[in-house]
C-alpha atoms as a PDB file:
ATOM      1  CA  MET A   1     120.414 144.353 158.849  1.00  0.00           C
ATOM      2  CA  TYR A   2     121.158 140.914 160.316  1.00  0.00           C
ATOM      3  CA  LYS A   3     119.064 139.178 157.640  1.00  0.00           C
ATOM      4  CA  THR A   4     120.821 141.119 154.862  1.00  0.00           C
ATOM      5  CA  ASN A   5     124.272 140.270 156.244  1.00  0.00           C
ATOM      6  CA  LYS A   6     123.288 136.617 156.599  1.00  0.00           C
ATOM      7  CA  LEU A   7     122.096 136.552 152.990  1.00  0.00           C
ATOM      8  CA  ILE A   8     125.316 138.149 151.735  1.00  0.00           C
ATOM      9  CA  ILE A   9     127.434 135.664 153.687  1.00  0.00           C
ATOM     10  CA  THR A  10     125.314 132.785 152.367  1.00  0.00           C
ATOM     11  CA  ILE A  11     125.694 133.942 148.767  1.00  0.00           C
ATOM     12  CA  ILE A  12     129.444 134.425 149.073  1.00  0.00           C
ATOM     13  CA  SER A  13     129.820 131.027 150.757  1.00  0.00           C
ATOM     14  CA  LEU A  14     127.813 129.270 148.058  1.00  0.00           C
ATOM     15  CA  GLN A  15     129.727 131.000 145.265  1.00  0.00           C
ATOM     16  CA  LEU A  16     133.024 130.006 146.867  1.00  0.00           C
ATOM     17  CA  PHE A  17     131.812 126.431 147.365  1.00  0.00           C
ATOM     18  CA  PHE A  18     130.634 126.096 143.773  1.00  0.00           C
ATOM     19  CA  SER A  19     133.783 127.736 142.412  1.00  0.00           C
ATOM     20  CA  LEU A  20     136.063 125.428 144.368  1.00  0.00           C
ATOM     21  CA  TYR A  21     133.947 122.389 143.590  1.00  0.00           C
ATOM     22  CA  SER A  22     134.051 123.098 139.858  1.00  0.00           C
ATOM     23  CA  PHE A  23     137.713 124.002 139.888  1.00  0.00           C
ATOM     24  CA  ALA A  24     138.640 120.479 140.986  1.00  0.00           C
ATOM     25  CA  ASP A  25     137.403 118.838 137.772  1.00  0.00           C
ATOM     26  CA  ASN A  26     137.014 121.885 135.494  1.00  0.00           C
ATOM     27  CA  LYS A  27     133.311 121.176 134.846  1.00  0.00           C
ATOM     28  CA  PRO A  28     130.548 123.703 135.479  1.00  0.00           C
ATOM     29  CA  ASP A  29     127.880 123.119 138.089  1.00  0.00           C
ATOM     30  CA  MET A  30     124.251 122.570 137.228  1.00  0.00           C
ATOM     31  CA  LEU A  31     122.177 123.627 140.235  1.00  0.00           C
ATOM     32  CA  PHE A  32     119.005 121.608 140.837  1.00  0.00           C
ATOM     33  CA  PHE A  33     116.696 123.344 143.313  1.00  0.00           C
ATOM     34  CA  TYR A  34     113.914 121.085 144.533  1.00  0.00           C
ATOM     35  CA  SER A  35     111.656 120.285 147.461  1.00  0.00           C
ATOM     36  CA  ARG A  36     111.255 116.762 148.736  1.00  0.00           C
ATOM     37  CA  ASP A  37     107.543 117.591 149.264  1.00  0.00           C
ATOM     38  CA  CYS A  38     106.979 118.700 145.661  1.00  0.00           C
ATOM     39  CA  GLU A  39     105.421 116.131 143.325  1.00  0.00           C
ATOM     40  CA  HIS A  40     106.847 117.812 140.205  1.00  0.00           C
ATOM     41  CA  CYS A  41     110.315 117.935 141.779  1.00  0.00           C
ATOM     42  CA  ILE A  42     110.238 114.224 142.565  1.00  0.00           C
ATOM     43  CA  GLU A  43     109.032 113.489 139.039  1.00  0.00           C
ATOM     44  CA  VAL A  44     111.942 115.423 137.508  1.00  0.00           C
ATOM     45  CA  LYS A  45     114.444 113.922 139.945  1.00  0.00           C
ATOM     46  CA  ASN A  46     113.317 110.310 139.575  1.00  0.00           C
ATOM     47  CA  GLU A  47     111.951 110.127 136.035  1.00  0.00           C
ATOM     48  CA  PHE A  48     113.612 112.812 133.886  1.00  0.00           C
ATOM     49  CA  LEU A  49     117.064 113.353 135.351  1.00  0.00           C
ATOM     50  CA  PRO A  50     118.355 109.740 135.256  1.00  0.00           C
ATOM     51  CA  GLY A  51     118.083 109.507 131.453  1.00  0.00           C
ATOM     52  CA  PHE A  52     119.247 113.070 130.959  1.00  0.00           C
ATOM     53  CA  LEU A  53     122.266 112.537 133.198  1.00  0.00           C
ATOM     54  CA  LYS A  54     123.160 109.314 131.421  1.00  0.00           C
ATOM     55  CA  ARG A  55     123.585 111.362 128.217  1.00  0.00           C
ATOM     56  CA  TYR A  56     125.132 114.566 129.557  1.00  0.00           C
ATOM     57  CA  GLN A  57     126.518 114.332 133.087  1.00  0.00           C
ATOM     58  CA  LYS A  58     130.116 113.934 131.944  1.00  0.00           C
ATOM     59  CA  HIS A  59     129.941 117.613 130.944  1.00  0.00           C
ATOM     60  CA  PHE A  60     128.879 119.118 134.302  1.00  0.00           C
ATOM     61  CA  ASN A  61     128.427 118.461 138.013  1.00  0.00           C
ATOM     62  CA  LEU A  62     124.835 118.187 139.213  1.00  0.00           C
ATOM     63  CA  VAL A  63     124.441 119.884 142.587  1.00  0.00           C
ATOM     64  CA  GLU A  64     121.155 119.045 144.326  1.00  0.00           C
ATOM     65  CA  LEU A  65     119.877 121.805 146.609  1.00  0.00           C
ATOM     66  CA  GLU A  66     116.835 120.975 148.745  1.00  0.00           C
ATOM     67  CA  VAL A  67     115.095 124.303 149.340  1.00  0.00           C
ATOM     68  CA  SER A  68     113.897 123.574 152.868  1.00  0.00           C
ATOM     69  CA  LYS A  69     117.442 124.640 153.759  1.00  0.00           C
ATOM     70  CA  LEU A  70     117.123 128.410 153.934  1.00  0.00           C
ATOM     71  CA  ALA A  71     120.535 129.065 152.398  1.00  0.00           C
ATOM     72  CA  TYR A  72     119.590 127.098 149.280  1.00  0.00           C
ATOM     73  CA  PHE A  73     116.214 128.816 148.997  1.00  0.00           C
ATOM     74  CA  ASP A  74     117.912 132.204 149.391  1.00  0.00           C
ATOM     75  CA  SER A  75     120.358 131.233 146.650  1.00  0.00           C
ATOM     76  CA  LEU A  76     117.480 130.456 144.291  1.00  0.00           C
ATOM     77  CA  LEU A  77     115.869 133.817 145.071  1.00  0.00           C
ATOM     78  CA  THR A  78     119.180 135.541 144.374  1.00  0.00           C
ATOM     79  CA  ILE A  79     119.584 133.788 141.023  1.00  0.00           C
ATOM     80  CA  GLU A  80     115.984 134.651 140.094  1.00  0.00           C
ATOM     81  CA  SER A  81     116.756 138.279 140.851  1.00  0.00           C
ATOM     82  CA  ARG A  82     119.997 138.262 138.879  1.00  0.00           C
ATOM     83  CA  VAL A  83     118.393 136.838 135.740  1.00  0.00           C
ATOM     84  CA  ASN A  84     115.216 138.948 136.149  1.00  0.00           C
ATOM     85  CA  PHE A  85     113.092 135.805 136.194  1.00  0.00           C
ATOM     86  CA  PRO A  86     109.406 136.702 135.670  1.00  0.00           C
ATOM     87  CA  GLU A  87     107.312 136.373 138.825  1.00  0.00           C
ATOM     88  CA  GLU A  88     104.494 134.603 136.973  1.00  0.00           C
ATOM     89  CA  LYS A  89     106.860 131.848 135.758  1.00  0.00           C
ATOM     90  CA  LYS A  90     108.395 131.008 139.146  1.00  0.00           C
ATOM     91  CA  ASP A  91     107.898 127.349 139.971  1.00  0.00           C
ATOM     92  CA  PHE A  92     109.553 124.225 141.324  1.00  0.00           C
ATOM     93  CA  PRO A  93     111.775 122.490 140.533  1.00  0.00           C
ATOM     94  CA  ALA A  94     114.338 124.916 139.165  1.00  0.00           C
ATOM     95  CA  ILE A  95     117.619 124.362 137.367  1.00  0.00           C
ATOM     96  CA  TYR A  96     120.323 126.973 136.872  1.00  0.00           C
ATOM     97  CA  PHE A  97     123.073 126.258 134.356  1.00  0.00           C
ATOM     98  CA  MET A  98     125.558 128.623 132.757  1.00  0.00           C
ATOM     99  CA  GLY A  99     123.477 131.789 132.957  1.00  0.00           C
ATOM    100  CA  THR A 100     120.111 130.160 132.266  1.00  0.00           C
ATOM    101  CA  LEU A 101     117.382 129.485 134.820  1.00  0.00           C
ATOM    102  CA  ILE A 102     114.542 127.095 134.006  1.00  0.00           C
ATOM    103  CA  GLU A 103     111.660 126.590 136.438  1.00  0.00           C
ATOM    104  CA  GLY A 104     108.877 124.019 136.383  1.00  0.00           C
ATOM    105  CA  GLU A 105     108.629 120.358 135.438  1.00  0.00           C
ATOM    106  CA  MET A 106     107.610 120.785 131.793  1.00  0.00           C
ATOM    107  CA  PRO A 107     109.997 123.674 130.982  1.00  0.00           C
ATOM    108  CA  ILE A 108     112.880 121.644 132.432  1.00  0.00           C
ATOM    109  CA  GLN A 109     111.933 118.595 130.386  1.00  0.00           C
ATOM    110  CA  ASN A 110     111.443 120.682 127.227  1.00  0.00           C
ATOM    111  CA  GLU A 111     114.336 123.168 127.477  1.00  0.00           C
ATOM    112  CA  LEU A 112     117.215 121.735 129.490  1.00  0.00           C
ATOM    113  CA  GLU A 113     118.713 119.608 126.734  1.00  0.00           C
ATOM    114  CA  THR A 114     118.866 122.644 124.433  1.00  0.00           C
ATOM    115  CA  VAL A 115     120.614 124.692 127.131  1.00  0.00           C
ATOM    116  CA  VAL A 116     123.244 121.969 127.583  1.00  0.00           C
ATOM    117  CA  LYS A 117     123.711 121.535 123.820  1.00  0.00           C
ATOM    118  CA  ASN A 118     124.194 125.295 123.462  1.00  0.00           C
ATOM    119  CA  TYR A 119     126.837 125.163 126.192  1.00  0.00           C
ATOM    120  CA  LEU A 120     128.606 122.263 124.486  1.00  0.00           C
ATOM    121  CA  ALA A 121     128.550 124.053 121.123  1.00  0.00           C
ATOM    122  CA  ASN A 122     130.007 127.255 122.563  1.00  0.00           C
ATOM    123  CA  PRO A 123     131.336 126.825 126.112  1.00  0.00           C
ATOM    124  CA  ASP A 124     133.272 130.115 126.148  1.00  0.00           C
ATOM    125  CA  SER A 125     130.146 132.107 125.359  1.00  0.00           C
ATOM    126  CA  ALA A 126     128.136 130.262 128.020  1.00  0.00           C
ATOM    127  CA  LYS A 127     130.867 130.831 130.601  1.00  0.00           C
ATOM    128  CA  LYS A 128     130.872 134.526 129.778  1.00  0.00           C
ATOM    129  CA  VAL A 129     127.097 134.753 130.256  1.00  0.00           C
ATOM    130  CA  ASP A 130     127.368 132.851 133.550  1.00  0.00           C
ATOM    131  CA  ARG A 131     130.078 135.224 134.812  1.00  0.00           C
ATOM    132  CA  GLU A 132     127.928 138.226 133.920  1.00  0.00           C
ATOM    133  CA  VAL A 133     124.917 136.790 135.761  1.00  0.00           C
ATOM    134  CA  MET A 134     126.970 136.005 138.862  1.00  0.00           C
ATOM    135  CA  LYS A 135     128.449 139.529 138.899  1.00  0.00           C
ATOM    136  CA  LYS A 136     125.032 141.178 139.077  1.00  0.00           C
ATOM    137  CA  VAL A 137     123.961 142.510 142.433  1.00  0.00           C
ATOM    138  CA  PRO A 138     120.573 141.063 143.367  1.00  0.00           C
END
């Protein structure tokens, strides 16, 4: 019971934080879940993200969430549950943006730009999908 209540409080707190954070500049959050001990995470963070952010960061806020913090790890598990992410594809790092979850170094490098371009082409549709995902009970 205690663990369930703690998880619910964590989820509500994170949703409130991200909602308030985004509200200030009216840009959506891109959540980057990583581990400082993960070679693939460091590769994405240091090699892929700088160039990607140079092209696209004006359109969103990147929020880095190091998963050794239990609340951040729990948030990733909750998002995986909400989007019905396949168990066999779970990996690190992970990025959640506007209703889409991508996990793993190569999928992030191969798919993230398309996800952002789709958002830019139709932000209202992406926001609707994101709202539906966040409404789901894990």
